[in-house]
Amino acid sequence: MTLSTPPAALGRIRADVQSMHAYAVQDSRGLIKLDAMENPHRLPPALQAALGERLGALALNRYPGDRTADLQRALAAHAGMPEGFALMLGNGSDELISLLAMACDLPGAAILAPLPGFVMYAMSAQLQGLRFVGVPLTADFELDLDAMLAAIERERPAIVYLAYPNNPTANLWDDAAIERIVEAQGAQGGLVVIDEAYQPFAGRSYIDRVARHGHVLLMRTLSKFGLAGVRLGYLMGPAALIAEVDKLRPPYNISVLNCECALFALEHAEVFAEQAADIRRERARLFEGLARLPGVKTWPSEANMILVRVPDAGRAFDGMRERGVLVKNVSKMHPLLANCLRLTVGTADENTRMLAALEASL
């Protein structure tokens, strides 16, 4: 029997929600999955067994308790959080981005970010009823400093997001330009969120500068660290600011399983550090291989992905999929990304097969 939804019931759903597209996750069954910037490495068998035993002993009949505080302390130590700062946990960075939009939902408020960028900045603003202001990057995916400063002066945004490195372009922006933007946003009383989702693969971090500014928050995730399936993000900043945002956090938003997995991973951080080092080595090898392919343009990467432009992104994407390799076709995300594909850095074997699939699909 097919159940039909009465039009009156659908009428209770916001019109802008009905017109939206859900966040799309590609079907990767039977394919080499190189479309979502995941760490391709799994835990060694001995650590898998140790983690399984540890998770099996948890009291799943109880709500999460003091272990979340243990995780906050462990993450603060791991990140080198400055004195006077506090840290809050999110069910991935996505939840933190939503909570920030909720916290700053004053009449007429706006959220500003460079484009192309992470889609959740705009989506969270829309869902919360805030204006989203996107400022295009330059043709080489650098910050358009004059345009950013003009937009901050004109729009007076509640939040400016700066991804460091950026997604999907994978580059780190000029530090002097970032400081100009941070200062301008602070002068008009707004917040800056530095999103360091890809920090394990980057040559530098904002953590050493964040304490200079009382209006800057730093966001990270354990997804790229190697725990994408655990769904755990964290936000650091001046304690007074974090305390206000933390009031909106749902109770028990971090499960005991997520919490214990993260604590276990931090206890074995050297394993994940070596995985990140391997990914950086493979990234360099991919660049060498891509440089030999005619008609392929690349941009510098400080993340676990490489943005490439090919003569025909649709044809190359389909050809690679037919050859068993799934990447991300970002060519329709923004005009600056015309004919671009985003390639996740995988294992040595996966990268070899990805290069061969791309070459055969050009």
Protein backbone atom coordinates (compact mmCIF):
# COMPACT_ATOMS: atom_id res chain seq x y z
CA MET A 1 0.00 0.00 0.00
CA THR A 2 1.30 3.45 -0.90
CA LEU A 3 0.76 6.05 1.80
CA SER A 4 0.03 9.53 0.50
CA THR A 5 0.84 12.61 2.56
CA PRO A 6 -2.03 15.12 2.75
CA PRO A 7 -1.16 18.51 1.22
CA ALA A 8 -2.19 20.16 4.48
CA ALA A 9 0.49 18.22 6.36
CA LEU A 10 3.16 19.22 3.84
CA GLY A 11 1.94 22.78 4.25
CA ARG A 12 3.26 22.71 7.80
CA ILE A 13 6.79 22.31 6.44
CA ARG A 14 8.55 25.57 5.68
CA ALA A 15 8.47 26.50 2.00
CA ASP A 16 12.20 27.18 1.88
CA VAL A 17 12.88 23.73 3.33
CA GLN A 18 10.65 22.11 0.71
CA SER A 19 12.60 23.90 -2.02
CA MET A 20 15.99 22.80 -0.64
CA HIS A 21 18.08 19.85 -1.72
CA ALA A 22 19.23 17.47 1.01
CA TYR A 23 22.97 17.05 1.55
CA ALA A 24 23.87 14.42 -1.03
CA VAL A 25 25.96 11.39 -0.11
CA GLN A 26 27.09 9.41 -3.14
CA ASP A 27 26.51 5.66 -3.34
CA SER A 28 30.00 4.18 -3.02
CA ARG A 29 29.19 0.47 -2.91
CA GLY A 30 31.71 -1.54 -4.92
CA LEU A 31 33.87 1.53 -5.61
CA ILE A 32 37.16 2.91 -4.36
CA LYS A 33 35.78 5.72 -2.21
CA LEU A 34 37.80 8.89 -2.75
CA ASP A 35 35.05 11.48 -2.66
CA ALA A 36 34.69 12.58 0.98
CA MET A 37 38.18 13.42 2.32
CA GLU A 38 38.20 10.46 4.69
CA ASN A 39 41.37 9.00 6.16
CA PRO A 40 41.77 5.76 4.14
CA HIS A 41 43.62 3.94 6.92
CA ARG A 42 41.97 1.71 9.50
CA LEU A 43 43.22 0.86 12.96
CA PRO A 44 45.84 -1.91 13.16
CA PRO A 45 44.29 -5.25 14.22
CA ALA A 46 45.72 -5.11 17.75
CA LEU A 47 44.18 -1.69 18.35
CA GLN A 48 40.90 -2.82 16.82
CA ALA A 49 40.74 -5.63 19.37
CA ALA A 50 41.67 -3.33 22.26
CA LEU A 51 39.07 -0.75 21.26
CA GLY A 52 36.39 -3.41 20.84
CA GLU A 53 37.02 -4.75 24.33
CA ARG A 54 36.92 -1.24 25.76
CA LEU A 55 33.66 -0.32 24.04
CA GLY A 56 32.09 -3.61 25.06
CA ALA A 57 32.63 -2.76 28.72
CA LEU A 58 30.77 0.57 28.56
CA ALA A 59 27.53 1.10 30.45
CA LEU A 60 25.29 1.66 27.42
CA ASN A 61 22.25 1.72 29.71
CA ARG A 62 23.44 5.03 31.19
CA TYR A 63 23.50 8.52 29.72
CA PRO A 64 26.94 9.98 29.00
CA GLY A 65 28.63 11.27 32.15
CA ASP A 66 31.99 12.56 33.32
CA ARG A 67 33.93 10.94 30.47
CA THR A 68 32.95 13.85 28.23
CA ALA A 69 34.84 16.16 30.58
CA ASP A 70 37.82 13.82 30.29
CA LEU A 71 37.58 14.10 26.52
CA GLN A 72 37.42 17.89 26.66
CA ARG A 73 40.63 17.96 28.71
CA ALA A 74 42.33 15.49 26.38
CA LEU A 75 41.39 17.49 23.28
CA ALA A 76 42.52 20.75 24.90
CA ALA A 77 45.91 19.20 25.62
CA HIS A 78 46.14 17.65 22.15
CA ALA A 79 45.34 20.95 20.43
CA GLY A 80 47.48 23.10 22.71
CA MET A 81 44.50 25.22 23.70
CA PRO A 82 45.52 28.65 25.07
CA GLU A 83 45.02 29.55 28.71
CA GLY A 84 41.69 31.25 29.42
CA PHE A 85 39.98 29.37 26.61
CA ALA A 86 37.25 26.75 26.89
CA LEU A 87 36.24 23.86 24.65
CA MET A 88 32.83 22.47 23.71
CA LEU A 89 31.99 19.25 21.87
CA GLY A 90 29.72 18.79 18.88
CA ASN A 91 28.32 15.83 17.01
CA GLY A 92 30.70 16.64 14.19
CA SER A 93 31.50 20.21 13.15
CA ASP A 94 28.10 20.35 11.45
CA GLU A 95 26.33 20.55 14.81
CA LEU A 96 28.68 23.27 16.01
CA ILE A 97 28.02 25.32 12.89
CA SER A 98 24.27 25.00 13.47
CA LEU A 99 24.61 26.00 17.14
CA LEU A 100 26.64 29.06 16.20
CA ALA A 101 23.93 30.18 13.76
CA MET A 102 21.31 29.68 16.47
CA ALA A 103 23.34 31.62 19.02
CA CYS A 104 23.77 34.61 16.68
CA ASP A 105 20.18 34.72 15.38
CA LEU A 106 19.49 38.39 16.08
CA PRO A 107 17.16 40.43 13.82
CA GLY A 108 18.89 41.17 10.52
CA ALA A 109 21.95 39.08 11.34
CA ALA A 110 24.11 37.68 8.55
CA ILE A 111 26.80 35.03 8.16
CA LEU A 112 29.63 35.70 5.71
CA ALA A 113 32.13 33.34 4.10
CA PRO A 114 34.28 33.14 0.98
CA LEU A 115 32.96 31.06 -1.92
CA PRO A 116 33.46 28.36 -2.99
CA GLY A 117 33.53 26.98 0.52
CA PHE A 118 31.98 24.46 2.87
CA VAL A 119 28.28 24.21 2.06
CA MET A 120 27.15 23.93 5.70
CA TYR A 121 27.98 27.58 6.44
CA ALA A 122 25.27 28.70 4.03
CA MET A 123 22.87 25.87 4.87
CA SER A 124 22.98 26.54 8.61
CA ALA A 125 22.30 30.23 7.99
CA GLN A 126 19.33 29.47 5.78
CA LEU A 127 17.82 26.97 8.18
CA GLN A 128 18.12 29.44 11.04
CA GLY A 129 16.60 32.26 8.97
CA LEU A 130 19.81 34.27 8.72
CA ARG A 131 21.14 35.98 5.63
CA PHE A 132 24.14 34.30 4.05
CA VAL A 133 26.64 36.50 2.22
CA GLY A 134 29.11 34.72 -0.03
CA VAL A 135 32.18 36.59 -1.27
CA PRO A 136 33.82 35.00 -4.35
CA LEU A 137 37.48 34.03 -4.17
CA THR A 138 39.83 35.09 -6.93
CA ALA A 139 40.30 32.92 -10.02
CA ASP A 140 43.24 31.22 -8.25
CA PHE A 141 41.10 30.60 -5.14
CA GLU A 142 42.82 33.24 -3.01
CA LEU A 143 40.94 35.60 -0.71
CA ASP A 144 39.70 38.75 -2.44
CA LEU A 145 40.74 40.96 0.45
CA ASP A 146 39.16 44.19 -0.82
CA ALA A 147 35.85 42.42 -1.48
CA MET A 148 35.91 40.73 1.94
CA LEU A 149 36.61 43.98 3.77
CA ALA A 150 33.91 45.81 1.81
CA ALA A 151 31.38 43.06 2.57
CA ILE A 152 32.20 43.16 6.29
CA GLU A 153 31.74 46.94 6.35
CA ARG A 154 28.50 46.75 4.34
CA GLU A 155 26.85 43.69 5.88
CA ARG A 156 28.21 43.82 9.46
CA PRO A 157 27.97 40.01 9.74
CA ALA A 158 27.53 38.24 13.06
CA ILE A 159 29.99 35.54 11.94
CA VAL A 160 32.75 35.36 9.34
CA TYR A 161 33.87 31.81 8.53
CA LEU A 162 37.42 31.23 7.30
CA ALA A 163 38.30 27.63 6.50
CA TYR A 164 42.01 27.02 6.97
CA PRO A 165 42.64 25.09 4.66
CA ASN A 166 39.56 25.67 2.54
CA ASN A 167 37.16 23.04 1.18
CA PRO A 168 36.98 22.24 -1.74
CA THR A 169 39.99 24.25 -2.91
CA ALA A 170 42.39 22.71 -0.31
CA ASN A 171 44.62 25.79 -0.02
CA LEU A 172 45.77 27.90 2.93
CA TRP A 173 45.13 31.59 2.43
CA ASP A 174 47.57 34.44 2.99
CA ASP A 175 48.07 35.04 6.72
CA ALA A 176 48.29 38.82 6.35
CA ALA A 177 44.94 38.87 4.53
CA ILE A 178 43.37 36.74 7.25
CA GLU A 179 44.60 39.13 9.94
CA ARG A 180 43.12 42.11 8.09
CA ILE A 181 39.76 40.33 7.94
CA VAL A 182 39.94 39.30 11.60
CA GLU A 183 40.69 42.88 12.64
CA ALA A 184 37.92 44.35 10.49
CA GLN A 185 35.36 41.89 11.82
CA GLY A 186 36.43 42.59 15.39
CA ALA A 187 36.18 46.34 14.85
CA GLN A 188 32.51 46.02 13.95
CA GLY A 189 31.75 43.66 16.84
CA GLY A 190 31.39 40.32 15.04
CA LEU A 191 32.81 36.85 15.50
CA VAL A 192 35.34 35.02 13.34
CA VAL A 193 35.34 31.22 13.19
CA ILE A 194 38.55 29.64 11.87
CA ASP A 195 37.60 26.17 10.65
CA GLU A 196 40.63 23.87 10.81
CA ALA A 197 38.96 20.64 9.74
CA TYR A 198 42.02 19.63 7.67
CA GLN A 199 44.67 20.71 10.17
CA PRO A 200 46.40 17.26 10.35
CA PHE A 201 47.56 17.75 6.75
CA ALA A 202 48.40 21.48 6.81
CA GLY A 203 51.76 23.13 7.18
CA ARG A 204 50.53 25.62 9.77
CA SER A 205 47.66 26.36 12.17
CA TYR A 206 45.94 29.42 13.57
CA ILE A 207 46.19 28.07 17.12
CA ASP A 208 49.32 30.16 17.84
CA ARG A 209 47.51 33.39 16.93
CA VAL A 210 43.99 32.78 18.18
CA ALA A 211 44.68 34.04 21.73
CA ARG A 212 45.45 37.52 20.36
CA HIS A 213 41.79 38.10 19.57
CA GLY A 214 38.84 37.95 21.96
CA HIS A 215 36.34 37.48 19.14
CA VAL A 216 37.92 34.50 17.31
CA LEU A 217 36.81 30.87 17.73
CA LEU A 218 38.75 27.88 16.42
CA MET A 219 36.85 24.81 15.20
CA ARG A 220 38.31 21.37 14.55
CA THR A 221 37.05 17.87 13.92
CA LEU A 222 38.29 14.34 14.45
CA SER A 223 36.82 13.29 11.09
CA LYS A 224 40.01 14.01 9.14
CA PHE A 225 42.15 12.88 12.08
CA GLY A 226 40.84 9.42 11.23
CA LEU A 227 37.46 9.12 12.98
CA ALA A 228 34.93 10.24 10.38
CA GLY A 229 32.52 7.54 11.52
CA VAL A 230 32.66 8.74 15.13
CA ARG A 231 31.19 12.20 14.36
CA LEU A 232 33.01 14.44 16.79
CA GLY A 233 33.93 18.10 16.42
CA TYR A 234 35.13 20.66 18.93
CA LEU A 235 35.09 24.42 19.26
CA MET A 236 37.67 26.42 21.23
CA GLY A 237 37.56 30.06 22.20
CA PRO A 238 37.43 32.60 25.01
CA ALA A 239 35.60 30.96 27.90
CA ALA A 240 32.85 33.60 28.04
CA LEU A 241 31.94 33.07 24.37
CA ILE A 242 32.03 29.29 24.55
CA ALA A 243 29.81 29.35 27.65
CA GLU A 244 27.07 31.17 25.73
CA VAL A 245 27.14 28.88 22.69
CA ASP A 246 27.31 25.81 24.93
CA LYS A 247 23.91 26.71 26.42
CA LEU A 248 22.35 25.65 23.09
CA ARG A 249 24.04 22.26 22.94
CA PRO A 250 21.56 19.39 23.26
CA PRO A 251 22.03 17.33 26.42
CA TYR A 252 24.11 14.20 25.91
CA ASN A 253 24.96 15.14 22.31
CA ILE A 254 28.13 13.00 22.44
CA SER A 255 27.41 9.30 22.95
CA VAL A 256 29.48 7.17 25.30
CA LEU A 257 30.70 5.21 22.25
CA ASN A 258 31.84 8.36 20.41
CA CYS A 259 33.49 9.70 23.53
CA GLU A 260 35.40 6.51 24.30
CA CYS A 261 36.52 6.07 20.68
CA ALA A 262 37.91 9.60 20.68
CA LEU A 263 39.72 9.12 24.00
CA PHE A 264 41.20 5.86 22.72
CA ALA A 265 42.39 7.55 19.53
CA LEU A 266 44.05 10.39 21.43
CA GLU A 267 45.85 7.84 23.61
CA HIS A 268 47.28 6.42 20.37
CA ALA A 269 47.79 9.75 18.61
CA GLU A 270 51.16 8.61 17.21
CA VAL A 271 49.35 6.01 15.05
CA PHE A 272 47.12 8.67 13.53
CA ALA A 273 50.05 11.06 13.13
CA GLU A 274 51.85 8.46 11.02
CA GLN A 275 48.70 7.95 8.96
CA ALA A 276 48.56 11.71 8.32
CA ALA A 277 52.24 11.69 7.36
CA ASP A 278 51.58 8.88 4.88
CA ILE A 279 48.69 10.86 3.38
CA ARG A 280 50.96 13.90 2.96
CA ARG A 281 53.55 11.72 1.21
CA GLU A 282 50.90 10.27 -1.06
CA ARG A 283 49.59 13.77 -1.79
CA ALA A 284 53.02 14.71 -3.12
CA ARG A 285 53.11 11.56 -5.27
CA LEU A 286 49.66 12.35 -6.65
CA PHE A 287 50.80 15.82 -7.66
CA GLU A 288 53.71 14.26 -9.56
CA GLY A 289 51.35 11.90 -11.37
CA LEU A 290 48.81 14.60 -12.15
CA ALA A 291 51.53 16.83 -13.61
CA ARG A 292 52.12 14.19 -16.29
CA LEU A 293 48.49 14.15 -17.44
CA PRO A 294 47.78 16.46 -20.40
CA GLY A 295 44.99 18.99 -19.94
CA VAL A 296 44.89 18.64 -16.13
CA LYS A 297 45.41 21.72 -13.96
CA THR A 298 46.04 21.49 -10.20
CA TRP A 299 46.23 23.95 -7.33
CA PRO A 300 48.39 23.73 -4.20
CA SER A 301 46.91 21.61 -1.40
CA GLU A 302 47.42 21.69 2.35
CA ALA A 303 44.59 19.18 2.93
CA ASN A 304 43.94 15.52 2.13
CA MET A 305 42.37 16.43 -1.20
CA ILE A 306 43.48 17.90 -4.51
CA LEU A 307 41.36 20.11 -6.72
CA VAL A 308 41.89 19.49 -10.44
CA ARG A 309 40.44 21.05 -13.57
CA VAL A 310 39.93 18.77 -16.56
CA PRO A 311 38.59 19.45 -20.06
CA ASP A 312 35.21 17.83 -19.26
CA ALA A 313 34.43 17.15 -15.59
CA GLY A 314 31.25 15.21 -16.27
CA ARG A 315 32.93 12.88 -18.72
CA ALA A 316 35.96 12.36 -16.47
CA PHE A 317 33.79 11.71 -13.40
CA ASP A 318 31.63 9.18 -15.23
CA GLY A 319 34.67 7.49 -16.74
CA MET A 320 36.37 7.15 -13.39
CA ARG A 321 33.22 5.74 -11.82
CA GLU A 322 32.92 3.18 -14.61
CA ARG A 323 36.49 2.17 -13.79
CA GLY A 324 35.61 1.68 -10.12
CA VAL A 325 36.85 4.97 -8.62
CA LEU A 326 34.50 7.46 -6.98
CA VAL A 327 35.61 11.09 -6.67
CA LYS A 328 33.62 14.31 -6.25
CA ASN A 329 32.41 16.33 -9.22
CA VAL A 330 32.33 19.88 -7.82
CA SER A 331 32.00 21.60 -11.19
CA LYS A 332 28.44 22.81 -10.53
CA MET A 333 29.01 24.04 -6.96
CA HIS A 334 30.23 27.46 -8.06
CA PRO A 335 31.19 29.14 -11.37
CA LEU A 336 34.83 29.32 -10.25
CA LEU A 337 34.85 25.50 -10.08
CA ALA A 338 33.90 24.93 -13.72
CA ASN A 339 35.12 21.49 -14.89
CA CYS A 340 36.74 20.76 -11.53
CA LEU A 341 36.96 17.45 -9.68
CA ARG A 342 37.98 17.01 -6.06
CA LEU A 343 40.23 14.01 -5.46
CA THR A 344 40.65 12.60 -1.96
CA VAL A 345 44.14 11.31 -1.17
CA GLY A 346 43.88 7.59 -0.50
CA THR A 347 46.30 4.72 0.08
CA ALA A 348 49.18 4.13 -2.31
CA ASP A 349 47.25 1.48 -4.22
CA GLU A 350 44.07 3.57 -4.31
CA ASN A 351 45.98 6.58 -5.62
CA THR A 352 47.66 4.55 -8.35
CA ARG A 353 44.29 3.26 -9.49
CA MET A 354 42.76 6.75 -9.28
CA LEU A 355 45.48 8.21 -11.51
CA ALA A 356 45.02 5.41 -14.03
CA ALA A 357 41.24 5.86 -14.03
CA LEU A 358 41.56 9.61 -14.50
CA GLU A 359 44.06 9.25 -17.34
CA ALA A 360 41.82 6.74 -19.10
CA SER A 361 38.78 9.00 -18.65
CA LEU A 362 40.19 12.25 -20.01
